Protein backbone atom coordinates (compact mmCIF):
# COMPACT_ATOMS: atom_id res chain seq x y z
CA MET A 1 49.08 21.03 59.49
CA ASN A 2 48.39 23.37 56.62
CA ARG A 3 45.52 22.63 54.36
CA GLN A 4 45.09 24.09 50.94
CA ARG A 5 42.04 26.11 50.39
CA THR A 6 39.63 24.90 47.65
CA THR A 7 37.85 27.39 45.44
CA ILE A 8 34.10 27.50 45.28
CA GLU A 9 33.90 29.86 42.26
CA PRO A 10 32.47 28.45 39.11
CA THR A 11 34.90 27.24 36.50
CA VAL A 12 32.42 26.97 33.62
CA PRO A 13 33.08 29.71 31.00
CA GLY A 14 30.22 32.25 30.83
CA LEU A 15 29.08 31.84 34.44
CA THR A 16 29.84 34.59 36.88
CA ILE A 17 28.95 35.46 40.41
CA GLU A 18 30.19 39.00 40.26
CA GLY A 19 27.84 41.99 40.36
CA SER A 20 24.35 40.87 41.23
CA GLY A 21 25.44 37.62 42.82
CA VAL A 22 23.33 35.61 40.22
CA ALA A 23 24.90 33.14 37.92
CA ALA A 24 24.16 33.91 34.26
CA ILE A 25 24.86 32.15 31.10
CA GLY A 26 27.09 34.13 28.79
CA ASN A 27 26.27 35.01 25.23
CA ASN A 28 28.51 32.40 23.66
CA LEU A 29 25.79 30.35 21.94
CA PRO A 30 25.88 29.99 18.10
CA MET A 31 23.39 32.21 16.30
CA ALA A 32 23.17 30.15 12.98
CA ILE A 33 20.74 27.26 12.52
CA PRO A 34 22.66 24.03 13.21
CA LYS A 35 23.17 21.66 10.18
CA GLU A 36 21.37 18.86 12.05
CA ARG A 37 18.19 21.01 12.26
CA ILE A 38 18.36 21.72 8.50
CA LYS A 39 18.73 17.93 7.81
CA THR A 40 15.81 17.19 10.09
CA ILE A 41 13.60 19.73 8.25
CA ILE A 42 14.61 18.36 4.83
CA LEU A 43 13.95 14.77 5.94
CA ALA A 44 10.56 15.75 7.41
CA LEU A 45 9.57 17.44 4.11
CA LEU A 46 10.75 14.41 2.09
CA PHE A 47 8.67 12.15 4.32
CA ILE A 48 5.58 14.31 3.86
CA VAL A 49 6.07 14.25 0.03
CA PHE A 50 6.62 10.47 0.08
CA ALA A 51 3.53 9.87 2.27
CA GLY A 52 1.38 11.99 -0.03
CA ALA A 53 2.59 10.11 -3.16
CA VAL A 54 1.88 6.73 -1.53
CA SER A 55 -1.61 7.93 -0.43
CA ILE A 56 -2.47 9.13 -3.95
CA ALA A 57 -1.24 5.84 -5.44
CA GLY A 58 -3.18 3.85 -2.85
CA LEU A 59 -6.41 5.67 -3.62
CA ARG A 60 -5.92 5.12 -7.29
CA PHE A 61 -5.25 1.36 -7.08
CA ALA A 62 -7.81 0.73 -4.30
CA ASN A 63 -10.63 1.71 -6.63
CA PRO A 64 -9.91 0.22 -10.05
CA GLU A 65 -12.09 0.68 -13.16
CA ILE A 66 -12.99 -3.05 -13.23
CA ARG A 67 -13.03 -5.24 -10.13
CA SER A 68 -13.62 -9.06 -10.23
CA ASP A 69 -14.25 -11.28 -7.22
CA LEU A 70 -14.59 -15.01 -6.93
CA VAL A 71 -17.88 -15.93 -5.32
CA ALA A 72 -17.75 -19.76 -5.42
CA PHE A 73 -16.66 -22.72 -7.46
CA THR A 74 -17.68 -26.36 -7.66
CA ILE A 75 -15.82 -29.35 -9.04
CA ASP A 76 -18.57 -31.05 -11.05
CA SER A 77 -16.54 -33.90 -12.46
CA ASP A 78 -13.13 -34.86 -13.76
CA VAL A 79 -13.79 -32.85 -16.92
CA GLN A 80 -15.80 -29.89 -15.63
CA THR A 81 -15.69 -27.07 -13.07
CA THR A 82 -18.31 -24.39 -12.49
CA ILE A 83 -17.30 -20.94 -11.27
CA ARG A 84 -19.39 -18.08 -9.98
CA PHE A 85 -17.83 -14.66 -9.91
CA SER A 86 -18.94 -11.00 -9.71
CA VAL A 87 -17.74 -8.11 -11.76
CA THR A 88 -18.06 -4.48 -10.72
CA ARG A 89 -17.20 -1.72 -13.21
CA LYS A 90 -17.30 2.05 -13.21
CA SER A 91 -18.39 2.17 -16.87
CA PRO A 92 -21.00 -0.56 -17.32
CA ASP A 93 -21.77 0.67 -20.85
CA LYS A 94 -18.49 -0.85 -22.15
CA PRO A 95 -18.09 -4.56 -22.88
CA ILE A 96 -15.29 -6.48 -21.06
CA THR A 97 -13.60 -9.87 -21.28
CA CYS A 98 -12.71 -11.95 -18.22
CA ARG A 99 -10.35 -14.87 -18.03
CA VAL A 100 -11.32 -17.73 -15.68
CA ILE A 101 -9.13 -20.76 -15.02
CA ALA A 102 -9.20 -24.15 -13.22
CA ARG A 103 -6.10 -25.64 -11.57
CA ASP A 104 -5.23 -29.18 -10.52
CA ILE A 105 -3.40 -30.32 -7.35
CA THR A 106 -0.01 -29.44 -8.87
CA THR A 107 -1.24 -25.89 -9.67
CA ALA A 108 -1.14 -26.57 -13.36
CA ILE A 109 -3.87 -24.90 -15.41
CA VAL A 110 -6.23 -27.63 -16.57
CA GLY A 111 -9.05 -25.44 -17.79
CA ASP A 112 -9.04 -21.97 -19.31
CA ARG A 113 -11.90 -19.88 -20.60
CA PHE A 114 -12.50 -16.26 -21.79
CA VAL A 115 -15.88 -14.88 -20.76
CA GLU A 116 -17.31 -12.05 -22.89
CA ILE A 117 -19.49 -9.68 -20.82
CA ALA A 118 -21.65 -7.33 -22.88
CA ALA A 119 -22.47 -3.75 -21.96
CA THR A 120 -25.23 -3.49 -19.35
CA SER A 121 -26.92 -0.81 -17.30
CA ALA A 122 -25.95 -2.49 -13.99
CA GLY A 123 -22.61 -1.56 -12.51
CA SER A 124 -22.26 -4.93 -10.73
CA ILE A 125 -23.19 -8.34 -12.12
CA GLU A 126 -22.73 -11.95 -11.01
CA LEU A 127 -21.98 -14.63 -13.55
CA LYS A 128 -21.84 -18.40 -13.56
CA GLU A 129 -19.58 -20.13 -16.08
CA VAL A 130 -18.66 -23.77 -16.80
CA ILE A 131 -14.99 -24.45 -17.42
CA PRO A 132 -14.16 -27.64 -19.36
CA THR A 133 -11.06 -29.30 -17.89
CA ARG A 134 -8.65 -31.95 -19.12
CA SER A 135 -8.20 -33.51 -15.64
CA ARG A 136 -9.74 -33.10 -12.19
CA ALA A 137 -9.48 -29.53 -10.90
CA VAL A 138 -9.12 -28.60 -7.24
CA THR A 139 -9.52 -24.85 -7.52
CA ALA A 140 -10.80 -22.14 -9.87
CA ALA A 141 -10.03 -18.49 -10.12
CA VAL A 142 -10.77 -15.26 -12.02
CA VAL A 143 -7.42 -14.15 -13.48
CA ARG A 144 -8.43 -10.73 -14.67
CA CYS A 145 -11.06 -8.69 -16.43
CA LEU A 146 -10.15 -6.11 -19.10
CA PRO A 147 -12.06 -3.84 -21.48
CA LYS A 148 -12.86 -5.63 -24.70
CA ASP A 149 -10.88 -3.18 -26.90
CA ARG A 150 -7.60 -4.01 -25.12
């Protein structure tokens, strides 16, 4: 019975066992930067620019010129609600106007009031305001505070 001899020599291009007896990878690799690497670098740069822009916007909006916070509210009667709120401003020497509202169970506005806050030396103040309502309110809120000249 005759058997065929199988070869043990490498069949991968670039590998050789001649000479020193050590297999070596040939010099058949591309020398240019692959397009995928260029796309990766461009996407990484775009991500860094986007993250920087979002960070700057976040810092700007996280610390506004005028900040208003609801402290508490009480439902005094069917025709009156009392609200306590605080206002913090970077420029306390300018007067501002705040809008406070009262809502009923259907979220309709049943009381609305504009509160004028004069210029003070304190950067943060707490106010208490009575809101007349046309029906029983269930909640109250500070809508917004703006400089008086706007």
